[in-house]
PDB file of N, CA and C in Angstrom:
ATOM      1  N   MET A   1     -14.468 -41.634  -9.200  1.00  0.00           N
ATOM      2  CA  MET A   1     -13.571 -42.687  -8.787  1.00  0.00           C
ATOM      3  C   MET A   1     -12.653 -42.147  -7.699  1.00  0.00           C
ATOM      4  N   ARG A   2     -12.515 -42.866  -6.635  1.00  0.00           N
ATOM      5  CA  ARG A   2     -11.603 -42.488  -5.558  1.00  0.00           C
ATOM      6  C   ARG A   2     -10.302 -43.253  -5.739  1.00  0.00           C
ATOM      7  N   THR A   3      -9.195 -42.567  -5.450  1.00  0.00           N
ATOM      8  CA  THR A   3      -7.884 -43.196  -5.566  1.00  0.00           C
ATOM      9  C   THR A   3      -7.111 -42.966  -4.277  1.00  0.00           C
ATOM     10  N   ALA A   4      -6.108 -43.768  -4.049  1.00  0.00           N
ATOM     11  CA  ALA A   4      -5.243 -43.594  -2.876  1.00  0.00           C
ATOM     12  C   ALA A   4      -4.467 -42.295  -3.017  1.00  0.00           C
ATOM     13  N   SER A   5      -4.136 -41.667  -1.884  1.00  0.00           N
ATOM     14  CA  SER A   5      -3.473 -40.358  -1.924  1.00  0.00           C
ATOM     15  C   SER A   5      -2.060 -40.420  -2.492  1.00  0.00           C
ATOM     16  N   ASP A   6      -1.450 -41.592  -2.540  1.00  0.00           N
ATOM     17  CA  ASP A   6      -0.083 -41.684  -3.062  1.00  0.00           C
ATOM     18  C   ASP A   6      -0.036 -41.968  -4.567  1.00  0.00           C
ATOM     19  N   ILE A   7      -1.180 -42.160  -5.210  1.00  0.00           N
ATOM     20  CA  ILE A   7      -1.219 -42.394  -6.655  1.00  0.00           C
ATOM     21  C   ILE A   7      -1.080 -41.057  -7.372  1.00  0.00           C
ATOM     22  N   ARG A   8      -0.150 -40.968  -8.303  1.00  0.00           N
ATOM     23  CA  ARG A   8       0.134 -39.707  -8.991  1.00  0.00           C
ATOM     24  C   ARG A   8      -0.537 -39.586 -10.354  1.00  0.00           C
ATOM     25  N   HIS A   9      -0.880 -40.719 -10.981  1.00  0.00           N
ATOM     26  CA  HIS A   9      -1.507 -40.718 -12.306  1.00  0.00           C
ATOM     27  C   HIS A   9      -2.807 -41.514 -12.253  1.00  0.00           C
ATOM     28  N   CYS A  10      -3.774 -41.061 -13.021  1.00  0.00           N
ATOM     29  CA  CYS A  10      -5.064 -41.737 -13.085  1.00  0.00           C
ATOM     30  C   CYS A  10      -4.880 -43.125 -13.698  1.00  0.00           C
ATOM     31  N   PRO A  11      -5.409 -44.164 -13.044  1.00  0.00           N
ATOM     32  CA  PRO A  11      -5.277 -45.507 -13.606  1.00  0.00           C
ATOM     33  C   PRO A  11      -6.056 -45.701 -14.907  1.00  0.00           C
ATOM     34  N   LYS A  12      -7.046 -44.844 -15.174  1.00  0.00           N
ATOM     35  CA  LYS A  12      -7.841 -44.965 -16.400  1.00  0.00           C
ATOM     36  C   LYS A  12      -7.236 -44.198 -17.570  1.00  0.00           C
ATOM     37  N   CYS A  13      -6.847 -42.930 -17.325  1.00  0.00           N
ATOM     38  CA  CYS A  13      -6.420 -42.087 -18.451  1.00  0.00           C
ATOM     39  C   CYS A  13      -4.948 -41.687 -18.379  1.00  0.00           C
ATOM     40  N   ASP A  14      -4.255 -42.029 -17.307  1.00  0.00           N
ATOM     41  CA  ASP A  14      -2.839 -41.737 -17.098  1.00  0.00           C
ATOM     42  C   ASP A  14      -2.533 -40.242 -16.967  1.00  0.00           C
ATOM     43  N   ASN A  15      -3.559 -39.376 -16.790  1.00  0.00           N
ATOM     44  CA  ASN A  15      -3.304 -37.958 -16.529  1.00  0.00           C
ATOM     45  C   ASN A  15      -2.806 -37.781 -15.106  1.00  0.00           C
ATOM     46  N   ARG A  16      -2.036 -36.718 -14.882  1.00  0.00           N
ATOM     47  CA  ARG A  16      -1.526 -36.430 -13.543  1.00  0.00           C
ATOM     48  C   ARG A  16      -2.666 -35.940 -12.656  1.00  0.00           C
ATOM     49  N   LEU A  17      -2.917 -36.632 -11.564  1.00  0.00           N
ATOM     50  CA  LEU A  17      -4.010 -36.293 -10.664  1.00  0.00           C
ATOM     51  C   LEU A  17      -3.776 -34.975  -9.945  1.00  0.00           C
ATOM     52  N   ASP A  18      -2.526 -34.626  -9.688  1.00  0.00           N
ATOM     53  CA  ASP A  18      -2.248 -33.389  -8.965  1.00  0.00           C
ATOM     54  C   ASP A  18      -2.496 -32.148  -9.816  1.00  0.00           C
ATOM     55  N   GLN A  19      -2.801 -32.332 -11.094  1.00  0.00           N
ATOM     56  CA  GLN A  19      -3.087 -31.204 -11.964  1.00  0.00           C
ATOM     57  C   GLN A  19      -4.562 -31.113 -12.346  1.00  0.00           C
ATOM     58  N   GLN A  20      -5.365 -32.070 -11.934  1.00  0.00           N
ATOM     59  CA  GLN A  20      -6.781 -32.065 -12.286  1.00  0.00           C
ATOM     60  C   GLN A  20      -7.566 -31.245 -11.267  1.00  0.00           C
ATOM     61  N   THR A  21      -8.330 -30.275 -11.740  1.00  0.00           N
ATOM     62  CA  THR A  21      -9.133 -29.434 -10.859  1.00  0.00           C
ATOM     63  C   THR A  21     -10.331 -28.892 -11.615  1.00  0.00           C
ATOM     64  N   ASP A  22     -11.357 -28.566 -10.858  1.00  0.00           N
ATOM     65  CA  ASP A  22     -12.526 -27.904 -11.444  1.00  0.00           C
ATOM     66  C   ASP A  22     -12.515 -26.412 -11.128  1.00  0.00           C
ATOM     67  N   GLY A  23     -11.453 -25.934 -10.484  1.00  0.00           N
ATOM     68  CA  GLY A  23     -11.326 -24.520 -10.165  1.00  0.00           C
ATOM     69  C   GLY A  23     -12.092 -24.096  -8.927  1.00  0.00           C
ATOM     70  N   SER A  24     -12.664 -25.034  -8.212  1.00  0.00           N
ATOM     71  CA  SER A  24     -13.510 -24.691  -7.069  1.00  0.00           C
ATOM     72  C   SER A  24     -12.713 -24.327  -5.820  1.00  0.00           C
ATOM     73  N   THR A  25     -13.421 -23.698  -4.885  1.00  0.00           N
ATOM     74  CA  THR A  25     -12.861 -23.340  -3.585  1.00  0.00           C
ATOM     75  C   THR A  25     -13.676 -24.044  -2.505  1.00  0.00           C
ATOM     76  N   MET A  26     -12.975 -24.680  -1.573  1.00  0.00           N
ATOM     77  CA  MET A  26     -13.618 -25.339  -0.442  1.00  0.00           C
ATOM     78  C   MET A  26     -13.321 -24.511   0.802  1.00  0.00           C
ATOM     79  N   ILE A  27     -14.335 -24.277   1.630  1.00  0.00           N
ATOM     80  CA  ILE A  27     -14.184 -23.481   2.838  1.00  0.00           C
ATOM     81  C   ILE A  27     -14.134 -24.398   4.052  1.00  0.00           C
ATOM     82  N   VAL A  28     -13.110 -24.177   4.906  1.00  0.00           N
ATOM     83  CA  VAL A  28     -12.918 -24.991   6.096  1.00  0.00           C
ATOM     84  C   VAL A  28     -12.657 -24.073   7.285  1.00  0.00           C
ATOM     85  N   ASP A  29     -13.394 -24.253   8.372  1.00  0.00           N
ATOM     86  CA  ASP A  29     -13.193 -23.487   9.601  1.00  0.00           C
ATOM     87  C   ASP A  29     -12.413 -24.350  10.585  1.00  0.00           C
ATOM     88  N   ILE A  30     -11.207 -23.908  10.946  1.00  0.00           N
ATOM     89  CA  ILE A  30     -10.390 -24.691  11.874  1.00  0.00           C
ATOM     90  C   ILE A  30     -10.153 -23.963  13.194  1.00  0.00           C
ATOM     91  N   ALA A  31     -10.907 -22.890  13.458  1.00  0.00           N
ATOM     92  CA  ALA A  31     -10.600 -22.079  14.632  1.00  0.00           C
ATOM     93  C   ALA A  31     -11.793 -21.688  15.497  1.00  0.00           C
ATOM     94  N   HIS A  32     -12.983 -22.100  15.189  1.00  0.00           N
ATOM     95  CA  HIS A  32     -14.137 -21.592  15.934  1.00  0.00           C
ATOM     96  C   HIS A  32     -14.953 -22.667  16.639  1.00  0.00           C
ATOM     97  N   HIS A  33     -14.304 -23.753  16.984  1.00  0.00           N
ATOM     98  CA  HIS A  33     -14.989 -24.827  17.710  1.00  0.00           C
ATOM     99  C   HIS A  33     -14.169 -25.244  18.930  1.00  0.00           C
ATOM    100  N   GLY A  34     -13.485 -24.276  19.536  1.00  0.00           N
ATOM    101  CA  GLY A  34     -12.700 -24.551  20.735  1.00  0.00           C
ATOM    102  C   GLY A  34     -11.357 -25.216  20.474  1.00  0.00           C
ATOM    103  N   GLU A  35     -10.859 -25.160  19.247  1.00  0.00           N
ATOM    104  CA  GLU A  35      -9.589 -25.799  18.924  1.00  0.00           C
ATOM    105  C   GLU A  35      -8.419 -25.085  19.602  1.00  0.00           C
ATOM    106  N   ARG A  36      -7.447 -25.849  20.000  1.00  0.00           N
ATOM    107  CA  ARG A  36      -6.156 -25.317  20.421  1.00  0.00           C
ATOM    108  C   ARG A  36      -5.299 -25.238  19.164  1.00  0.00           C
ATOM    109  N   VAL A  37      -4.180 -24.568  19.251  1.00  0.00           N
ATOM    110  CA  VAL A  37      -3.305 -24.410  18.078  1.00  0.00           C
ATOM    111  C   VAL A  37      -2.938 -25.771  17.504  1.00  0.00           C
ATOM    112  N   ARG A  38      -2.549 -26.701  18.361  1.00  0.00           N
ATOM    113  CA  ARG A  38      -2.155 -28.051  17.911  1.00  0.00           C
ATOM    114  C   ARG A  38      -3.294 -28.722  17.138  1.00  0.00           C
ATOM    115  N   ASP A  39      -4.520 -28.595  17.661  1.00  0.00           N
ATOM    116  CA  ASP A  39      -5.680 -29.205  17.000  1.00  0.00           C
ATOM    117  C   ASP A  39      -5.945 -28.560  15.646  1.00  0.00           C
ATOM    118  N   ALA A  40      -5.845 -27.232  15.603  1.00  0.00           N
ATOM    119  CA  ALA A  40      -6.090 -26.505  14.353  1.00  0.00           C
ATOM    120  C   ALA A  40      -5.066 -26.885  13.295  1.00  0.00           C
ATOM    121  N   LEU A  41      -3.807 -27.029  13.683  1.00  0.00           N
ATOM    122  CA  LEU A  41      -2.775 -27.431  12.719  1.00  0.00           C
ATOM    123  C   LEU A  41      -3.017 -28.845  12.208  1.00  0.00           C
ATOM    124  N   GLY A  42      -3.487 -29.717  13.071  1.00  0.00           N
ATOM    125  CA  GLY A  42      -3.842 -31.076  12.645  1.00  0.00           C
ATOM    126  C   GLY A  42      -4.977 -31.060  11.630  1.00  0.00           C
ATOM    127  N   LYS A  43      -5.997 -30.222  11.899  1.00  0.00           N
ATOM    128  CA  LYS A  43      -7.104 -30.091  10.955  1.00  0.00           C
ATOM    129  C   LYS A  43      -6.619 -29.517   9.629  1.00  0.00           C
ATOM    130  N   LEU A  44      -5.739 -28.515   9.706  1.00  0.00           N
ATOM    131  CA  LEU A  44      -5.186 -27.920   8.485  1.00  0.00           C
ATOM    132  C   LEU A  44      -4.492 -28.981   7.640  1.00  0.00           C
ATOM    133  N   ASP A  45      -3.595 -29.733   8.249  1.00  0.00           N
ATOM    134  CA  ASP A  45      -2.856 -30.761   7.513  1.00  0.00           C
ATOM    135  C   ASP A  45      -3.797 -31.790   6.888  1.00  0.00           C
ATOM    136  N   SER A  46      -4.800 -32.208   7.653  1.00  0.00           N
ATOM    137  CA  SER A  46      -5.762 -33.191   7.162  1.00  0.00           C
ATOM    138  C   SER A  46      -6.566 -32.647   5.982  1.00  0.00           C
ATOM    139  N   GLN A  47      -7.026 -31.411   6.095  1.00  0.00           N
ATOM    140  CA  GLN A  47      -7.818 -30.812   5.019  1.00  0.00           C
ATOM    141  C   GLN A  47      -6.992 -30.602   3.758  1.00  0.00           C
ATOM    142  N   ILE A  48      -5.749 -30.191   3.911  1.00  0.00           N
ATOM    143  CA  ILE A  48      -4.886 -30.008   2.736  1.00  0.00           C
ATOM    144  C   ILE A  48      -4.640 -31.339   2.051  1.00  0.00           C
ATOM    145  N   GLU A  49      -4.339 -32.372   2.823  1.00  0.00           N
ATOM    146  CA  GLU A  49      -4.099 -33.690   2.235  1.00  0.00           C
ATOM    147  C   GLU A  49      -5.339 -34.199   1.501  1.00  0.00           C
ATOM    148  N   GLN A  50      -6.484 -34.040   2.139  1.00  0.00           N
ATOM    149  CA  GLN A  50      -7.734 -34.489   1.525  1.00  0.00           C
ATOM    150  C   GLN A  50      -8.043 -33.698   0.251  1.00  0.00           C
ATOM    151  N   ALA A  51      -7.887 -32.393   0.306  1.00  0.00           N
ATOM    152  CA  ALA A  51      -8.209 -31.548  -0.853  1.00  0.00           C
ATOM    153  C   ALA A  51      -7.243 -31.785  -2.009  1.00  0.00           C
ATOM    154  N   ARG A  52      -5.978 -32.030  -1.713  1.00  0.00           N
ATOM    155  CA  ARG A  52      -4.995 -32.270  -2.781  1.00  0.00           C
ATOM    156  C   ARG A  52      -5.318 -33.535  -3.562  1.00  0.00           C
ATOM    157  N   SER A  53      -5.952 -34.499  -2.919  1.00  0.00           N
ATOM    158  CA  SER A  53      -6.269 -35.744  -3.624  1.00  0.00           C
ATOM    159  C   SER A  53      -7.574 -35.629  -4.411  1.00  0.00           C
ATOM    160  N   GLY A  54      -8.281 -34.519  -4.257  1.00  0.00           N
ATOM    161  CA  GLY A  54      -9.523 -34.297  -4.990  1.00  0.00           C
ATOM    162  C   GLY A  54      -9.327 -33.300  -6.111  1.00  0.00           C
ATOM    163  N   ILE A  55     -10.398 -32.596  -6.466  1.00  0.00           N
ATOM    164  CA  ILE A  55     -10.333 -31.675  -7.603  1.00  0.00           C
ATOM    165  C   ILE A  55     -10.431 -30.208  -7.199  1.00  0.00           C
ATOM    166  N   VAL A  56     -10.395 -29.927  -5.904  1.00  0.00           N
ATOM    167  CA  VAL A  56     -10.474 -28.556  -5.409  1.00  0.00           C
ATOM    168  C   VAL A  56      -9.190 -27.810  -5.763  1.00  0.00           C
ATOM    169  N   ALA A  57      -9.332 -26.583  -6.239  1.00  0.00           N
ATOM    170  CA  ALA A  57      -8.169 -25.763  -6.586  1.00  0.00           C
ATOM    171  C   ALA A  57      -7.680 -24.938  -5.403  1.00  0.00           C
ATOM    172  N   THR A  58      -8.621 -24.454  -4.566  1.00  0.00           N
ATOM    173  CA  THR A  58      -8.284 -23.534  -3.493  1.00  0.00           C
ATOM    174  C   THR A  58      -9.021 -23.899  -2.216  1.00  0.00           C
ATOM    175  N   LEU A  59      -8.319 -23.792  -1.088  1.00  0.00           N
ATOM    176  CA  LEU A  59      -8.960 -23.906   0.219  1.00  0.00           C
ATOM    177  C   LEU A  59      -9.059 -22.512   0.813  1.00  0.00           C
ATOM    178  N   ARG A  60     -10.198 -22.190   1.380  1.00  0.00           N
ATOM    179  CA  ARG A  60     -10.350 -20.954   2.150  1.00  0.00           C
ATOM    180  C   ARG A  60     -10.429 -21.399   3.598  1.00  0.00           C
ATOM    181  N   ILE A  61      -9.339 -21.171   4.331  1.00  0.00           N
ATOM    182  CA  ILE A  61      -9.222 -21.632   5.702  1.00  0.00           C
ATOM    183  C   ILE A  61      -9.626 -20.496   6.636  1.00  0.00           C
ATOM    184  N   ILE A  62     -10.640 -20.720   7.460  1.00  0.00           N
ATOM    185  CA  ILE A  62     -11.066 -19.737   8.447  1.00  0.00           C
ATOM    186  C   ILE A  62     -10.229 -19.970   9.706  1.00  0.00           C
ATOM    187  N   VAL A  63      -9.444 -18.938  10.093  1.00  0.00           N
ATOM    188  CA  VAL A  63      -8.484 -19.099  11.185  1.00  0.00           C
ATOM    189  C   VAL A  63      -8.653 -18.104  12.321  1.00  0.00           C
ATOM    190  N   GLY A  64      -9.485 -17.091  12.157  1.00  0.00           N
ATOM    191  CA  GLY A  64      -9.612 -16.078  13.195  1.00  0.00           C
ATOM    192  C   GLY A  64      -8.436 -15.117  13.155  1.00  0.00           C
ATOM    193  N   SER A  65      -8.193 -14.450  14.291  1.00  0.00           N
ATOM    194  CA  SER A  65      -7.180 -13.400  14.279  1.00  0.00           C
ATOM    195  C   SER A  65      -6.093 -13.569  15.330  1.00  0.00           C
ATOM    196  N   GLY A  66      -5.973 -14.711  15.949  1.00  0.00           N
ATOM    197  CA  GLY A  66      -5.028 -14.869  17.041  1.00  0.00           C
ATOM    198  C   GLY A  66      -3.912 -15.856  16.765  1.00  0.00           C
ATOM    199  N   ALA A  67      -3.609 -16.642  17.783  1.00  0.00           N
ATOM    200  CA  ALA A  67      -2.485 -17.570  17.736  1.00  0.00           C
ATOM    201  C   ALA A  67      -2.648 -18.634  16.658  1.00  0.00           C
ATOM    202  N   ILE A  68      -3.876 -19.063  16.416  1.00  0.00           N
ATOM    203  CA  ILE A  68      -4.092 -20.077  15.372  1.00  0.00           C
ATOM    204  C   ILE A  68      -3.708 -19.511  14.018  1.00  0.00           C
ATOM    205  N   ARG A  69      -4.117 -18.290  13.718  1.00  0.00           N
ATOM    206  CA  ARG A  69      -3.764 -17.688  12.428  1.00  0.00           C
ATOM    207  C   ARG A  69      -2.246 -17.608  12.272  1.00  0.00           C
ATOM    208  N   ASP A  70      -1.549 -17.167  13.320  1.00  0.00           N
ATOM    209  CA  ASP A  70      -0.099 -17.045  13.242  1.00  0.00           C
ATOM    210  C   ASP A  70       0.570 -18.399  12.997  1.00  0.00           C
ATOM    211  N   ALA A  71       0.105 -19.434  13.690  1.00  0.00           N
ATOM    212  CA  ALA A  71       0.677 -20.771  13.519  1.00  0.00           C
ATOM    213  C   ALA A  71       0.365 -21.330  12.135  1.00  0.00           C
ATOM    214  N   VAL A  72      -0.843 -21.094  11.647  1.00  0.00           N
ATOM    215  CA  VAL A  72      -1.236 -21.574  10.316  1.00  0.00           C
ATOM    216  C   VAL A  72      -0.404 -20.880   9.241  1.00  0.00           C
ATOM    217  N   LEU A  73      -0.201 -19.580   9.370  1.00  0.00           N
ATOM    218  CA  LEU A  73       0.624 -18.860   8.391  1.00  0.00           C
ATOM    219  C   LEU A  73       2.046 -19.423   8.353  1.00  0.00           C
ATOM    220  N   ALA A  74       2.607 -19.731   9.515  1.00  0.00           N
ATOM    221  CA  ALA A  74       3.949 -20.322   9.555  1.00  0.00           C
ATOM    222  C   ALA A  74       3.960 -21.699   8.895  1.00  0.00           C
ATOM    223  N   ARG A  75       2.933 -22.524   9.170  1.00  0.00           N
ATOM    224  CA  ARG A  75       2.862 -23.859   8.565  1.00  0.00           C
ATOM    225  C   ARG A  75       2.710 -23.748   7.056  1.00  0.00           C
ATOM    226  N   LEU A  76       1.870 -22.817   6.589  1.00  0.00           N
ATOM    227  CA  LEU A  76       1.660 -22.657   5.149  1.00  0.00           C
ATOM    228  C   LEU A  76       2.917 -22.164   4.446  1.00  0.00           C
ATOM    229  N   LEU A  77       3.681 -21.314   5.093  1.00  0.00           N
ATOM    230  CA  LEU A  77       4.950 -20.862   4.518  1.00  0.00           C
ATOM    231  C   LEU A  77       5.877 -22.057   4.297  1.00  0.00           C
ATOM    232  N   ASP A  78       5.929 -22.952   5.277  1.00  0.00           N
ATOM    233  CA  ASP A  78       6.743 -24.158   5.146  1.00  0.00           C
ATOM    234  C   ASP A  78       6.210 -25.059   4.032  1.00  0.00           C
ATOM    235  N   LEU A  79       4.889 -25.253   3.971  1.00  0.00           N
ATOM    236  CA  LEU A  79       4.305 -26.106   2.927  1.00  0.00           C
ATOM    237  C   LEU A  79       4.530 -25.532   1.536  1.00  0.00           C
ATOM    238  N   GLU A  80       4.498 -24.220   1.438  1.00  0.00           N
ATOM    239  CA  GLU A  80       4.770 -23.575   0.152  1.00  0.00           C
ATOM    240  C   GLU A  80       6.242 -23.778  -0.240  1.00  0.00           C
ATOM    241  N   TYR A  81       7.123 -23.605   0.720  1.00  0.00           N
ATOM    242  CA  TYR A  81       8.556 -23.800   0.466  1.00  0.00           C
ATOM    243  C   TYR A  81       8.834 -25.234   0.004  1.00  0.00           C
ATOM    244  N   ARG A  82       8.143 -26.203   0.605  1.00  0.00           N
ATOM    245  CA  ARG A  82       8.336 -27.620   0.257  1.00  0.00           C
ATOM    246  C   ARG A  82       7.517 -28.039  -0.956  1.00  0.00           C
ATOM    247  N   LYS A  83       6.779 -27.080  -1.562  1.00  0.00           N
ATOM    248  CA  LYS A  83       5.979 -27.301  -2.766  1.00  0.00           C
ATOM    249  C   LYS A  83       4.824 -28.281  -2.555  1.00  0.00           C
ATOM    250  N   VAL A  84       4.319 -28.331  -1.324  1.00  0.00           N
ATOM    251  CA  VAL A  84       3.113 -29.112  -1.035  1.00  0.00           C
ATOM    252  C   VAL A  84       1.892 -28.329  -1.502  1.00  0.00           C
ATOM    253  N   ILE A  85       1.958 -26.990  -1.354  1.00  0.00           N
ATOM    254  CA  ILE A  85       0.916 -26.103  -1.860  1.00  0.00           C
ATOM    255  C   ILE A  85       1.558 -25.139  -2.854  1.00  0.00           C
ATOM    256  N   ILE A  86       0.745 -24.522  -3.695  1.00  0.00           N
ATOM    257  CA  ILE A  86       1.287 -23.571  -4.669  1.00  0.00           C
ATOM    258  C   ILE A  86       1.543 -22.220  -4.011  1.00  0.00           C
ATOM    259  N   SER A  87       0.549 -21.706  -3.256  1.00  0.00           N
ATOM    260  CA  SER A  87       0.719 -20.410  -2.603  1.00  0.00           C
ATOM    261  C   SER A  87      -0.347 -20.228  -1.529  1.00  0.00           C
ATOM    262  N   HIS A  88      -0.179 -19.171  -0.737  1.00  0.00           N
ATOM    263  CA  HIS A  88      -1.184 -18.800   0.251  1.00  0.00           C
ATOM    264  C   HIS A  88      -1.167 -17.290   0.430  1.00  0.00           C
ATOM    265  N   GLU A  89      -2.304 -16.740   0.842  1.00  0.00           N
ATOM    266  CA  GLU A  89      -2.401 -15.311   1.106  1.00  0.00           C
ATOM    267  C   GLU A  89      -3.595 -15.052   2.006  1.00  0.00           C
ATOM    268  N   LEU A  90      -3.510 -13.966   2.774  1.00  0.00           N
ATOM    269  CA  LEU A  90      -4.664 -13.562   3.570  1.00  0.00           C
ATOM    270  C   LEU A  90      -5.782 -13.147   2.624  1.00  0.00           C
ATOM    271  N   ASP A  91      -6.998 -13.508   2.970  1.00  0.00           N
ATOM    272  CA  ASP A  91      -8.159 -13.096   2.187  1.00  0.00           C
ATOM    273  C   ASP A  91      -8.278 -11.575   2.285  1.00  0.00           C
ATOM    274  N   LYS A  92      -8.327 -10.893   1.156  1.00  0.00           N
ATOM    275  CA  LYS A  92      -8.354  -9.429   1.162  1.00  0.00           C
ATOM    276  C   LYS A  92      -9.629  -8.884   1.794  1.00  0.00           C
ATOM    277  N   ASP A  93     -10.699  -9.668   1.832  1.00  0.00           N
ATOM    278  CA  ASP A  93     -11.961  -9.222   2.410  1.00  0.00           C
ATOM    279  C   ASP A  93     -12.122  -9.613   3.877  1.00  0.00           C
ATOM    280  N   ASN A  94     -11.264 -10.520   4.375  1.00  0.00           N
ATOM    281  CA  ASN A  94     -11.386 -11.005   5.745  1.00  0.00           C
ATOM    282  C   ASN A  94     -10.026 -11.529   6.198  1.00  0.00           C
ATOM    283  N   THR A  95      -9.317 -10.770   7.023  1.00  0.00           N
ATOM    284  CA  THR A  95      -7.981 -11.190   7.451  1.00  0.00           C
ATOM    285  C   THR A  95      -8.014 -12.372   8.421  1.00  0.00           C
ATOM    286  N   GLY A  96      -9.200 -12.835   8.785  1.00  0.00           N
ATOM    287  CA  GLY A  96      -9.338 -14.037   9.589  1.00  0.00           C
ATOM    288  C   GLY A  96      -9.480 -15.278   8.729  1.00  0.00           C
ATOM    289  N   ALA A  97      -9.237 -15.122   7.432  1.00  0.00           N
ATOM    290  CA  ALA A  97      -9.302 -16.245   6.493  1.00  0.00           C
ATOM    291  C   ALA A  97      -8.065 -16.217   5.600  1.00  0.00           C
ATOM    292  N   ILE A  98      -7.622 -17.389   5.227  1.00  0.00           N
ATOM    293  CA  ILE A  98      -6.440 -17.536   4.376  1.00  0.00           C
ATOM    294  C   ILE A  98      -6.822 -18.364   3.161  1.00  0.00           C
ATOM    295  N   LEU A  99      -6.413 -17.897   1.990  1.00  0.00           N
ATOM    296  CA  LEU A  99      -6.636 -18.633   0.747  1.00  0.00           C
ATOM    297  C   LEU A  99      -5.393 -19.448   0.436  1.00  0.00           C
ATOM    298  N   VAL A 100      -5.581 -20.734   0.243  1.00  0.00           N
ATOM    299  CA  VAL A 100      -4.481 -21.654  -0.041  1.00  0.00           C
ATOM    300  C   VAL A 100      -4.699 -22.237  -1.426  1.00  0.00           C
ATOM    301  N   ARG A 101      -3.814 -21.902  -2.348  1.00  0.00           N
ATOM    302  CA  ARG A 101      -3.925 -22.439  -3.708  1.00  0.00           C
ATOM    303  C   ARG A 101      -3.208 -23.778  -3.767  1.00  0.00           C
ATOM    304  N   LEU A 102      -3.967 -24.802  -4.098  1.00  0.00           N
ATOM    305  CA  LEU A 102      -3.439 -26.169  -4.139  1.00  0.00           C
ATOM    306  C   LEU A 102      -3.060 -26.588  -5.552  1.00  0.00           C
ATOM    307  N   LYS A 103      -3.844 -26.122  -6.510  1.00  0.00           N
ATOM    308  CA  LYS A 103      -3.657 -26.516  -7.900  1.00  0.00           C
ATOM    309  C   LYS A 103      -3.917 -25.325  -8.795  1.00  0.00           C
ATOM    310  N   SER A 104      -3.297 -25.332  -9.942  1.00  0.00           N
ATOM    311  CA  SER A 104      -3.570 -24.300 -10.924  1.00  0.00           C
ATOM    312  C   SER A 104      -4.898 -24.612 -11.572  1.00  0.00           C
ATOM    313  N   SER A 105      -5.803 -23.640 -11.580  1.00  0.00           N
ATOM    314  CA  SER A 105      -7.138 -23.879 -12.135  1.00  0.00           C
ATOM    315  C   SER A 105      -7.173 -23.802 -13.654  1.00  0.00           C
ATOM    316  N   GLY A 106      -6.083 -23.345 -14.240  1.00  0.00           N
ATOM    317  CA  GLY A 106      -6.058 -23.225 -15.690  1.00  0.00           C
ATOM    318  C   GLY A 106      -6.802 -22.000 -16.174  1.00  0.00           C
ATOM    319  N   ARG A 107      -7.280 -21.187 -15.250  1.00  0.00           N
ATOM    320  CA  ARG A 107      -8.009 -19.969 -15.601  1.00  0.00           C
ATOM    321  C   ARG A 107      -7.107 -18.773 -15.371  1.00  0.00           C
ATOM    322  N   SER A 108      -7.322 -17.721 -16.121  1.00  0.00           N
ATOM    323  CA  SER A 108      -6.518 -16.508 -15.944  1.00  0.00           C
ATOM    324  C   SER A 108      -7.270 -15.462 -15.169  1.00  0.00           C
TER     325      SER A 108
END
């Protein structure tokens, strides 16, 4: 069932939609198709909004190693501060990728 992004509770079961997740990770590349920083930030915002309304727990954002990565890190710091996302960190295996935790997966 698809719901509008502003709905906070499931119309069927009344559970909080922002807490429902299957623990999955979605991978999104926002830096390797000729994007400018402005375009990459737009893609980032769109992907986060879309993923938050679904069941994905984590986004793995491919950002490269230049200006896009720096701008994305600054945007994610702001989103974390505003509690739009739970946390973010550079991927330990690839510093050109950032892991963005959107929801708690309920796993330890």
